[in-house]
């Protein structure tokens, strides 16, 4: 049993949702900052993002958000066909791809 009212539970849930959105936005900013100097292997980027404390869920959602917004692009790179992510601004400036 709890002394909380329904509105207290709703308030907590909406705060948790807002915090999750903030973490995903921060993760997206981190990804863009990592890509500002050029493309990066997807696995290396994922490893670095997880190493600084973001979760796999936040990483996945941040990449979805950036792709949907047209801010990052995935391209195959090199003979082995490793997938790299590029900032869309970097691609336009350097005419890669």
PDB file of N, CA and C in Angstrom:
ATOM      1  N   UNK A   1       0.838  -1.182   0.000  1.00  0.00           N
ATOM      2  CA  UNK A   1       0.000   0.000   0.000  1.00  0.00           C
ATOM      3  C   UNK A   1       0.879   1.240   0.000  1.00  0.00           C
ATOM      4  N   UNK A   2       0.384   2.299  -0.649  1.00  0.00           N
ATOM      5  CA  UNK A   2       1.142   3.537  -0.729  1.00  0.00           C
ATOM      6  C   UNK A   2       0.244   4.719  -0.413  1.00  0.00           C
ATOM      7  N   UNK A   3       0.837   5.734   0.167  1.00  0.00           N
ATOM      8  CA  UNK A   3       0.090   6.960   0.467  1.00  0.00           C
ATOM      9  C   UNK A   3       0.039   7.904  -0.731  1.00  0.00           C
ATOM     10  N   UNK A   4       0.659   7.513  -1.812  1.00  0.00           N
ATOM     11  CA  UNK A   4       0.687   8.372  -2.998  1.00  0.00           C
ATOM     12  C   UNK A   4      -0.672   8.405  -3.680  1.00  0.00           C
ATOM     13  N   UNK A   5      -0.953   9.525  -4.277  1.00  0.00           N
ATOM     14  CA  UNK A   5      -2.160   9.705  -5.077  1.00  0.00           C
ATOM     15  C   UNK A   5      -1.827   9.381  -6.535  1.00  0.00           C
ATOM     16  N   UNK A   6      -2.838   9.185  -7.346  1.00  0.00           N
ATOM     17  CA  UNK A   6      -2.632   8.891  -8.765  1.00  0.00           C
ATOM     18  C   UNK A   6      -1.792   9.962  -9.448  1.00  0.00           C
ATOM     19  N   UNK A   7      -2.057  11.220  -9.124  1.00  0.00           N
ATOM     20  CA  UNK A   7      -1.314  12.307  -9.767  1.00  0.00           C
ATOM     21  C   UNK A   7       0.186  12.223  -9.462  1.00  0.00           C
ATOM     22  N   UNK A   8       0.544  11.682  -8.274  1.00  0.00           N
ATOM     23  CA  UNK A   8       1.960  11.541  -7.921  1.00  0.00           C
ATOM     24  C   UNK A   8       2.648  10.520  -8.822  1.00  0.00           C
ATOM     25  N   UNK A   9       1.940   9.422  -9.103  1.00  0.00           N
ATOM     26  CA  UNK A   9       2.496   8.405  -9.995  1.00  0.00           C
ATOM     27  C   UNK A   9       2.637   8.932 -11.427  1.00  0.00           C
ATOM     28  N   UNK A  10       1.649   9.686 -11.875  1.00  0.00           N
ATOM     29  CA  UNK A  10       1.696  10.270 -13.218  1.00  0.00           C
ATOM     30  C   UNK A  10       2.833  11.271 -13.324  1.00  0.00           C
ATOM     31  N   UNK A  11       3.029  12.083 -12.288  1.00  0.00           N
ATOM     32  CA  UNK A  11       4.101  13.079 -12.278  1.00  0.00           C
ATOM     33  C   UNK A  11       5.475  12.394 -12.348  1.00  0.00           C
ATOM     34  N   UNK A  12       5.644  11.312 -11.585  1.00  0.00           N
ATOM     35  CA  UNK A  12       6.909  10.570 -11.606  1.00  0.00           C
ATOM     36  C   UNK A  12       7.171   9.962 -12.975  1.00  0.00           C
ATOM     37  N   UNK A  13       6.130   9.409 -13.587  1.00  0.00           N
ATOM     38  CA  UNK A  13       6.279   8.778 -14.908  1.00  0.00           C
ATOM     39  C   UNK A  13       6.641   9.816 -15.961  1.00  0.00           C
ATOM     40  N   UNK A  14       6.017  10.988 -15.917  1.00  0.00           N
ATOM     41  CA  UNK A  14       6.327  12.006 -16.921  1.00  0.00           C
ATOM     42  C   UNK A  14       7.728  12.570 -16.723  1.00  0.00           C
ATOM     43  N   UNK A  15       8.205  12.646 -15.471  1.00  0.00           N
ATOM     44  CA  UNK A  15       9.577  13.096 -15.225  1.00  0.00           C
ATOM     45  C   UNK A  15      10.578  12.077 -15.759  1.00  0.00           C
ATOM     46  N   UNK A  16      10.287  10.791 -15.559  1.00  0.00           N
ATOM     47  CA  UNK A  16      11.170   9.737 -16.068  1.00  0.00           C
ATOM     48  C   UNK A  16      11.230   9.772 -17.591  1.00  0.00           C
ATOM     49  N   UNK A  17      10.101  10.018 -18.230  1.00  0.00           N
ATOM     50  CA  UNK A  17      10.059  10.117 -19.691  1.00  0.00           C
ATOM     51  C   UNK A  17      10.877  11.308 -20.172  1.00  0.00           C
ATOM     52  N   UNK A  18      10.755  12.429 -19.505  1.00  0.00           N
ATOM     53  CA  UNK A  18      11.520  13.625 -19.880  1.00  0.00           C
ATOM     54  C   UNK A  18      13.016  13.386 -19.679  1.00  0.00           C
ATOM     55  N   UNK A  19      13.385  12.715 -18.595  1.00  0.00           N
ATOM     56  CA  UNK A  19      14.798  12.403 -18.347  1.00  0.00           C
ATOM     57  C   UNK A  19      15.351  11.484 -19.434  1.00  0.00           C
ATOM     58  N   UNK A  20      14.542  10.511 -19.858  1.00  0.00           N
ATOM     59  CA  UNK A  20      14.972   9.590 -20.915  1.00  0.00           C
ATOM     60  C   UNK A  20      15.183  10.350 -22.224  1.00  0.00           C
ATOM     61  N   UNK A  21      14.289  11.264 -22.552  1.00  0.00           N
ATOM     62  CA  UNK A  21      14.442  12.073 -23.764  1.00  0.00           C
ATOM     63  C   UNK A  21      15.697  12.929 -23.707  1.00  0.00           C
ATOM     64  N   UNK A  22      15.980  13.484 -22.542  1.00  0.00           N
ATOM     65  CA  UNK A  22      17.192  14.292 -22.372  1.00  0.00           C
ATOM     66  C   UNK A  22      18.448  13.452 -22.582  1.00  0.00           C
ATOM     67  N   UNK A  23      18.449  12.228 -22.051  1.00  0.00           N
ATOM     68  CA  UNK A  23      19.611  11.347 -22.199  1.00  0.00           C
ATOM     69  C   UNK A  23      19.818  10.972 -23.669  1.00  0.00           C
ATOM     70  N   UNK A  24      18.740  10.740 -24.396  1.00  0.00           N
ATOM     71  CA  UNK A  24      18.849  10.403 -25.819  1.00  0.00           C
ATOM     72  C   UNK A  24      19.364  11.614 -26.600  1.00  0.00           C
ATOM     73  N   UNK A  25      18.875  12.805 -26.277  1.00  0.00           N
ATOM     74  CA  UNK A  25      19.350  14.024 -26.942  1.00  0.00           C
ATOM     75  C   UNK A  25      20.828  14.258 -26.642  1.00  0.00           C
ATOM     76  N   UNK A  26      21.245  14.016 -25.401  1.00  0.00           N
ATOM     77  CA  UNK A  26      22.666  14.158 -25.044  1.00  0.00           C
ATOM     78  C   UNK A  26      23.515  13.155 -25.809  1.00  0.00           C
ATOM     79  N   UNK A  27      23.014  11.934 -25.937  1.00  0.00           N
ATOM     80  CA  UNK A  27      23.727  10.900 -26.681  1.00  0.00           C
ATOM     81  C   UNK A  27      23.857  11.307 -28.150  1.00  0.00           C
ATOM     82  N   UNK A  28      22.801  11.863 -28.721  1.00  0.00           N
ATOM     83  CA  UNK A  28      22.836  12.334 -30.106  1.00  0.00           C
ATOM     84  C   UNK A  28      23.889  13.435 -30.269  1.00  0.00           C
ATOM     85  N   UNK A  29      23.951  14.345 -29.318  1.00  0.00           N
ATOM     86  CA  UNK A  29      24.967  15.406 -29.354  1.00  0.00           C
ATOM     87  C   UNK A  29      26.375  14.822 -29.287  1.00  0.00           C
ATOM     88  N   UNK A  30      26.553  13.787 -28.453  1.00  0.00           N
ATOM     89  CA  UNK A  30      27.850  13.132 -28.344  1.00  0.00           C
ATOM     90  C   UNK A  30      28.246  12.504 -29.681  1.00  0.00           C
ATOM     91  N   UNK A  31      27.293  11.837 -30.319  1.00  0.00           N
ATOM     92  CA  UNK A  31      27.561  11.202 -31.621  1.00  0.00           C
ATOM     93  C   UNK A  31      27.980  12.249 -32.641  1.00  0.00           C
ATOM     94  N   UNK A  32      27.244  13.346 -32.713  1.00  0.00           N
ATOM     95  CA  UNK A  32      27.589  14.411 -33.667  1.00  0.00           C
ATOM     96  C   UNK A  32      28.972  15.001 -33.374  1.00  0.00           C
ATOM     97  N   UNK A  33      29.299  15.145 -32.111  1.00  0.00           N
ATOM     98  CA  UNK A  33      30.630  15.698 -31.782  1.00  0.00           C
ATOM     99  C   UNK A  33      31.737  14.730 -32.185  1.00  0.00           C
ATOM    100  N   UNK A  34      31.481  13.424 -32.070  1.00  0.00           N
ATOM    101  CA  UNK A  34      32.472  12.432 -32.489  1.00  0.00           C
ATOM    102  C   UNK A  34      32.653  12.425 -34.009  1.00  0.00           C
ATOM    103  N   UNK A  35      31.610  12.776 -34.736  1.00  0.00           N
ATOM    104  CA  UNK A  35      31.657  12.741 -36.199  1.00  0.00           C
ATOM    105  C   UNK A  35      32.046  14.074 -36.832  1.00  0.00           C
ATOM    106  N   UNK A  36      32.313  15.084 -36.035  1.00  0.00           N
ATOM    107  CA  UNK A  36      32.585  16.411 -36.597  1.00  0.00           C
ATOM    108  C   UNK A  36      33.870  16.466 -37.419  1.00  0.00           C
ATOM    109  N   UNK A  37      34.818  15.571 -37.153  1.00  0.00           N
ATOM    110  CA  UNK A  37      36.076  15.589 -37.905  1.00  0.00           C
ATOM    111  C   UNK A  37      36.113  14.578 -39.039  1.00  0.00           C
ATOM    112  N   UNK A  38      34.999  13.915 -39.289  1.00  0.00           N
ATOM    113  CA  UNK A  38      34.953  12.939 -40.375  1.00  0.00           C
ATOM    114  C   UNK A  38      34.218  11.681 -39.972  1.00  0.00           C
ATOM    115  N   UNK A  39      34.217  10.715 -40.881  1.00  0.00           N
ATOM    116  CA  UNK A  39      33.509   9.469 -40.650  1.00  0.00           C
ATOM    117  C   UNK A  39      34.164   8.616 -39.584  1.00  0.00           C
ATOM    118  N   UNK A  40      33.370   7.688 -39.064  1.00  0.00           N
ATOM    119  CA  UNK A  40      33.869   6.807 -38.020  1.00  0.00           C
ATOM    120  C   UNK A  40      33.209   5.448 -38.166  1.00  0.00           C
ATOM    121  N   UNK A  41      33.984   4.391 -37.982  1.00  0.00           N
ATOM    122  CA  UNK A  41      33.458   3.045 -38.027  1.00  0.00           C
ATOM    123  C   UNK A  41      32.335   2.912 -36.994  1.00  0.00           C
ATOM    124  N   UNK A  42      31.226   2.287 -37.397  1.00  0.00           N
ATOM    125  CA  UNK A  42      30.061   2.183 -36.524  1.00  0.00           C
ATOM    126  C   UNK A  42      30.406   1.466 -35.213  1.00  0.00           C
ATOM    127  N   UNK A  43      31.143   0.378 -35.295  1.00  0.00           N
ATOM    128  CA  UNK A  43      31.481  -0.376 -34.083  1.00  0.00           C
ATOM    129  C   UNK A  43      32.341   0.466 -33.142  1.00  0.00           C
ATOM    130  N   UNK A  44      33.304   1.193 -33.685  1.00  0.00           N
ATOM    131  CA  UNK A  44      34.153   2.050 -32.852  1.00  0.00           C
ATOM    132  C   UNK A  44      33.324   3.147 -32.174  1.00  0.00           C
ATOM    133  N   UNK A  45      32.422   3.746 -32.942  1.00  0.00           N
ATOM    134  CA  UNK A  45      31.558   4.789 -32.390  1.00  0.00           C
ATOM    135  C   UNK A  45      30.668   4.218 -31.285  1.00  0.00           C
ATOM    136  N   UNK A  46      30.081   3.050 -31.537  1.00  0.00           N
ATOM    137  CA  UNK A  46      29.230   2.413 -30.531  1.00  0.00           C
ATOM    138  C   UNK A  46      30.026   2.126 -29.263  1.00  0.00           C
ATOM    139  N   UNK A  47      31.235   1.579 -29.422  1.00  0.00           N
ATOM    140  CA  UNK A  47      32.073   1.257 -28.262  1.00  0.00           C
ATOM    141  C   UNK A  47      32.404   2.506 -27.448  1.00  0.00           C
ATOM    142  N   UNK A  48      32.740   3.598 -28.118  1.00  0.00           N
ATOM    143  CA  UNK A  48      33.068   4.847 -27.414  1.00  0.00           C
ATOM    144  C   UNK A  48      31.849   5.417 -26.698  1.00  0.00           C
ATOM    145  N   UNK A  49      30.704   5.344 -27.366  1.00  0.00           N
ATOM    146  CA  UNK A  49      29.478   5.881 -26.773  1.00  0.00           C
ATOM    147  C   UNK A  49      29.089   5.098 -25.524  1.00  0.00           C
ATOM    148  N   UNK A  50      29.194   3.776 -25.602  1.00  0.00           N
ATOM    149  CA  UNK A  50      28.880   2.949 -24.438  1.00  0.00           C
ATOM    150  C   UNK A  50      29.907   3.156 -23.322  1.00  0.00           C
ATOM    151  N   UNK A  51      31.163   3.386 -23.707  1.00  0.00           N
ATOM    152  CA  UNK A  51      32.231   3.561 -22.715  1.00  0.00           C
ATOM    153  C   UNK A  51      32.038   4.824 -21.869  1.00  0.00           C
ATOM    154  N   UNK A  52      31.416   5.855 -22.449  1.00  0.00           N
ATOM    155  CA  UNK A  52      31.209   7.082 -21.674  1.00  0.00           C
ATOM    156  C   UNK A  52      29.938   7.025 -20.825  1.00  0.00           C
ATOM    157  N   UNK A  53      29.188   5.912 -20.942  1.00  0.00           N
ATOM    158  CA  UNK A  53      28.066   5.729 -20.018  1.00  0.00           C
ATOM    159  C   UNK A  53      26.676   5.700 -20.608  1.00  0.00           C
ATOM    160  N   UNK A  54      26.543   5.860 -21.913  1.00  0.00           N
ATOM    161  CA  UNK A  54      25.212   5.766 -22.505  1.00  0.00           C
ATOM    162  C   UNK A  54      24.825   4.302 -22.644  1.00  0.00           C
ATOM    163  N   UNK A  55      23.523   4.022 -22.605  1.00  0.00           N
ATOM    164  CA  UNK A  55      23.048   2.647 -22.733  1.00  0.00           C
ATOM    165  C   UNK A  55      22.877   2.295 -24.204  1.00  0.00           C
ATOM    166  N   UNK A  56      22.752   0.998 -24.488  1.00  0.00           N
ATOM    167  CA  UNK A  56      22.515   0.562 -25.865  1.00  0.00           C
ATOM    168  C   UNK A  56      21.205   1.128 -26.397  1.00  0.00           C
ATOM    169  N   UNK A  57      20.197   1.210 -25.533  1.00  0.00           N
ATOM    170  CA  UNK A  57      18.907   1.765 -25.929  1.00  0.00           C
ATOM    171  C   UNK A  57      19.057   3.238 -26.317  1.00  0.00           C
ATOM    172  N   UNK A  58      19.757   4.010 -25.486  1.00  0.00           N
ATOM    173  CA  UNK A  58      19.952   5.434 -25.784  1.00  0.00           C
ATOM    174  C   UNK A  58      20.744   5.607 -27.071  1.00  0.00           C
ATOM    175  N   UNK A  59      21.739   4.766 -27.283  1.00  0.00           N
ATOM    176  CA  UNK A  59      22.540   4.813 -28.501  1.00  0.00           C
ATOM    177  C   UNK A  59      21.679   4.534 -29.726  1.00  0.00           C
ATOM    178  N   UNK A  60      20.887   3.474 -29.655  1.00  0.00           N
ATOM    179  CA  UNK A  60      20.032   3.105 -30.790  1.00  0.00           C
ATOM    180  C   UNK A  60      19.027   4.212 -31.101  1.00  0.00           C
ATOM    181  N   UNK A  61      18.370   4.727 -30.068  1.00  0.00           N
ATOM    182  CA  UNK A  61      17.374   5.779 -30.268  1.00  0.00           C
ATOM    183  C   UNK A  61      18.012   7.077 -30.786  1.00  0.00           C
ATOM    184  N   UNK A  62      19.201   7.408 -30.296  1.00  0.00           N
ATOM    185  CA  UNK A  62      19.894   8.617 -30.747  1.00  0.00           C
ATOM    186  C   UNK A  62      20.253   8.500 -32.229  1.00  0.00           C
ATOM    187  N   UNK A  63      20.745   7.326 -32.642  1.00  0.00           N
ATOM    188  CA  UNK A  63      21.083   7.146 -34.059  1.00  0.00           C
ATOM    189  C   UNK A  63      19.832   7.190 -34.929  1.00  0.00           C
ATOM    190  N   UNK A  64      18.739   6.605 -34.453  1.00  0.00           N
ATOM    191  CA  UNK A  64      17.472   6.678 -35.198  1.00  0.00           C
ATOM    192  C   UNK A  64      17.034   8.127 -35.357  1.00  0.00           C
ATOM    193  N   UNK A  65      17.119   8.879 -34.277  1.00  0.00           N
ATOM    194  CA  UNK A  65      16.728  10.291 -34.291  1.00  0.00           C
ATOM    195  C   UNK A  65      17.572  11.086 -35.282  1.00  0.00           C
ATOM    196  N   UNK A  66      18.887  10.866 -35.256  1.00  0.00           N
ATOM    197  CA  UNK A  66      19.789  11.593 -36.153  1.00  0.00           C
ATOM    198  C   UNK A  66      19.588  11.201 -37.612  1.00  0.00           C
ATOM    199  N   UNK A  67      19.358   9.917 -37.870  1.00  0.00           N
ATOM    200  CA  UNK A  67      19.114   9.470 -39.252  1.00  0.00           C
ATOM    201  C   UNK A  67      17.814  10.054 -39.778  1.00  0.00           C
ATOM    202  N   UNK A  68      16.776  10.017 -38.939  1.00  0.00           N
ATOM    203  CA  UNK A  68      15.471  10.548 -39.347  1.00  0.00           C
ATOM    204  C   UNK A  68      15.557  12.044 -39.641  1.00  0.00           C
ATOM    205  N   UNK A  69      16.374  12.757 -38.875  1.00  0.00           N
ATOM    206  CA  UNK A  69      16.550  14.205 -39.063  1.00  0.00           C
ATOM    207  C   UNK A  69      17.520  14.522 -40.207  1.00  0.00           C
ATOM    208  N   UNK A  70      18.146  13.483 -40.775  1.00  0.00           N
ATOM    209  CA  UNK A  70      19.083  13.697 -41.875  1.00  0.00           C
ATOM    210  C   UNK A  70      20.432  14.240 -41.433  1.00  0.00           C
ATOM    211  N   UNK A  71      20.784  14.040 -40.167  1.00  0.00           N
ATOM    212  CA  UNK A  71      22.038  14.593 -39.660  1.00  0.00           C
ATOM    213  C   UNK A  71      23.215  13.631 -39.774  1.00  0.00           C
ATOM    214  N   UNK A  72      22.933  12.327 -39.915  1.00  0.00           N
ATOM    215  CA  UNK A  72      24.006  11.351 -40.127  1.00  0.00           C
ATOM    216  C   UNK A  72      23.619  10.418 -41.266  1.00  0.00           C
ATOM    217  N   UNK A  73      24.653   9.867 -41.898  1.00  0.00           N
ATOM    218  CA  UNK A  73      24.476   8.941 -43.006  1.00  0.00           C
ATOM    219  C   UNK A  73      25.446   7.790 -42.833  1.00  0.00           C
ATOM    220  N   UNK A  74      24.966   6.579 -43.102  1.00  0.00           N
ATOM    221  CA  UNK A  74      25.831   5.400 -43.045  1.00  0.00           C
ATOM    222  C   UNK A  74      26.301   5.075 -44.460  1.00  0.00           C
ATOM    223  N   UNK A  75      27.575   4.803 -44.597  1.00  0.00           N
ATOM    224  CA  UNK A  75      28.163   4.454 -45.899  1.00  0.00           C
ATOM    225  C   UNK A  75      29.120   3.291 -45.704  1.00  0.00           C
ATOM    226  N   UNK A  76      29.195   2.435 -46.717  1.00  0.00           N
ATOM    227  CA  UNK A  76      30.212   1.377 -46.720  1.00  0.00           C
ATOM    228  C   UNK A  76      31.532   2.037 -47.085  1.00  0.00           C
ATOM    229  N   UNK A  77      32.597   1.577 -46.441  1.00  0.00           N
ATOM    230  CA  UNK A  77      33.890   2.213 -46.652  1.00  0.00           C
ATOM    231  C   UNK A  77      34.963   1.149 -46.823  1.00  0.00           C
ATOM    232  N   UNK A  78      35.756   1.277 -47.841  1.00  0.00           N
ATOM    233  CA  UNK A  78      36.901   0.405 -48.033  1.00  0.00           C
ATOM    234  C   UNK A  78      36.582  -0.937 -48.642  1.00  0.00           C
ATOM    235  N   UNK A  79      37.612  -1.724 -48.858  1.00  0.00           N
ATOM    236  CA  UNK A  79      37.512  -3.017 -49.505  1.00  0.00           C
ATOM    237  C   UNK A  79      36.666  -3.995 -48.694  1.00  0.00           C
ATOM    238  N   UNK A  80      36.833  -4.005 -47.390  1.00  0.00           N
ATOM    239  CA  UNK A  80      36.093  -4.924 -46.534  1.00  0.00           C
ATOM    240  C   UNK A  80      34.638  -4.510 -46.353  1.00  0.00           C
ATOM    241  N   UNK A  81      34.294  -3.338 -46.787  1.00  0.00           N
ATOM    242  CA  UNK A  81      32.918  -2.875 -46.697  1.00  0.00           C
ATOM    243  C   UNK A  81      32.461  -2.563 -45.289  1.00  0.00           C
ATOM    244  N   UNK A  82      33.375  -2.066 -44.464  1.00  0.00           N
ATOM    245  CA  UNK A  82      33.007  -1.682 -43.105  1.00  0.00           C
ATOM    246  C   UNK A  82      32.050  -0.500 -43.172  1.00  0.00           C
ATOM    247  N   UNK A  83      31.013  -0.533 -42.353  1.00  0.00           N
ATOM    248  CA  UNK A  83      30.049   0.556 -42.344  1.00  0.00           C
ATOM    249  C   UNK A  83      30.561   1.676 -41.449  1.00  0.00           C
ATOM    250  N   UNK A  84      30.552   2.876 -42.004  1.00  0.00           N
ATOM    251  CA  UNK A  84      30.973   4.059 -41.259  1.00  0.00           C
ATOM    252  C   UNK A  84      29.819   5.051 -41.211  1.00  0.00           C
ATOM    253  N   UNK A  85      29.769   5.824 -40.152  1.00  0.00           N
ATOM    254  CA  UNK A  85      28.795   6.898 -40.043  1.00  0.00           C
ATOM    255  C   UNK A  85      29.495   8.215 -40.337  1.00  0.00           C
ATOM    256  N   UNK A  86      28.792   9.047 -41.057  1.00  0.00           N
ATOM    257  CA  UNK A  86      29.293  10.377 -41.383  1.00  0.00           C
ATOM    258  C   UNK A  86      28.253  11.403 -40.981  1.00  0.00           C
ATOM    259  N   UNK A  87      28.718  12.531 -40.516  1.00  0.00           N
ATOM    260  CA  UNK A  87      27.835  13.667 -40.297  1.00  0.00           C
ATOM    261  C   UNK A  87      27.411  14.168 -41.665  1.00  0.00           C
ATOM    262  N   UNK A  88      26.128  14.439 -41.822  1.00  0.00           N
ATOM    263  CA  UNK A  88      25.642  14.939 -43.110  1.00  0.00           C
ATOM    264  C   UNK A  88      26.307  16.254 -43.491  1.00  0.00           C
ATOM    265  N   UNK A  89      26.607  17.085 -42.503  1.00  0.00           N
ATOM    266  CA  UNK A  89      27.303  18.348 -42.778  1.00  0.00           C
ATOM    267  C   UNK A  89      28.685  18.070 -43.339  1.00  0.00           C
ATOM    268  N   UNK A  90      29.361  17.075 -42.829  1.00  0.00           N
ATOM    269  CA  UNK A  90      30.701  16.703 -43.307  1.00  0.00           C
ATOM    270  C   UNK A  90      30.623  16.180 -44.734  1.00  0.00           C
ATOM    271  N   UNK A  91      29.606  15.415 -45.047  1.00  0.00           N
ATOM    272  CA  UNK A  91      29.455  14.873 -46.395  1.00  0.00           C
ATOM    273  C   UNK A  91      29.225  16.017 -47.388  1.00  0.00           C
ATOM    274  N   UNK A  92      28.372  16.971 -47.026  1.00  0.00           N
ATOM    275  CA  UNK A  92      28.088  18.099 -47.927  1.00  0.00           C
ATOM    276  C   UNK A  92      29.333  18.958 -48.121  1.00  0.00           C
ATOM    277  N   UNK A  93      30.083  19.197 -47.053  1.00  0.00           N
ATOM    278  CA  UNK A  93      31.271  20.053 -47.143  1.00  0.00           C
ATOM    279  C   UNK A  93      32.394  19.402 -47.916  1.00  0.00           C
ATOM    280  N   UNK A  94      32.596  18.101 -47.707  1.00  0.00           N
ATOM    281  CA  UNK A  94      33.700  17.412 -48.356  1.00  0.00           C
ATOM    282  C   UNK A  94      33.296  16.629 -49.598  1.00  0.00           C
ATOM    283  N   UNK A  95      32.011  16.620 -49.897  1.00  0.00           N
ATOM    284  CA  UNK A  95      31.477  15.907 -51.064  1.00  0.00           C
ATOM    285  C   UNK A  95      31.883  14.435 -51.051  1.00  0.00           C
ATOM    286  N   UNK A  96      31.743  13.799 -49.884  1.00  0.00           N
ATOM    287  CA  UNK A  96      32.008  12.360 -49.756  1.00  0.00           C
ATOM    288  C   UNK A  96      30.764  11.624 -50.209  1.00  0.00           C
ATOM    289  N   UNK A  97      30.938  10.482 -50.850  1.00  0.00           N
ATOM    290  CA  UNK A  97      29.801   9.637 -51.232  1.00  0.00           C
ATOM    291  C   UNK A  97      29.173  10.207 -52.430  1.00  0.00           C
TER     292      UNK A  97
END
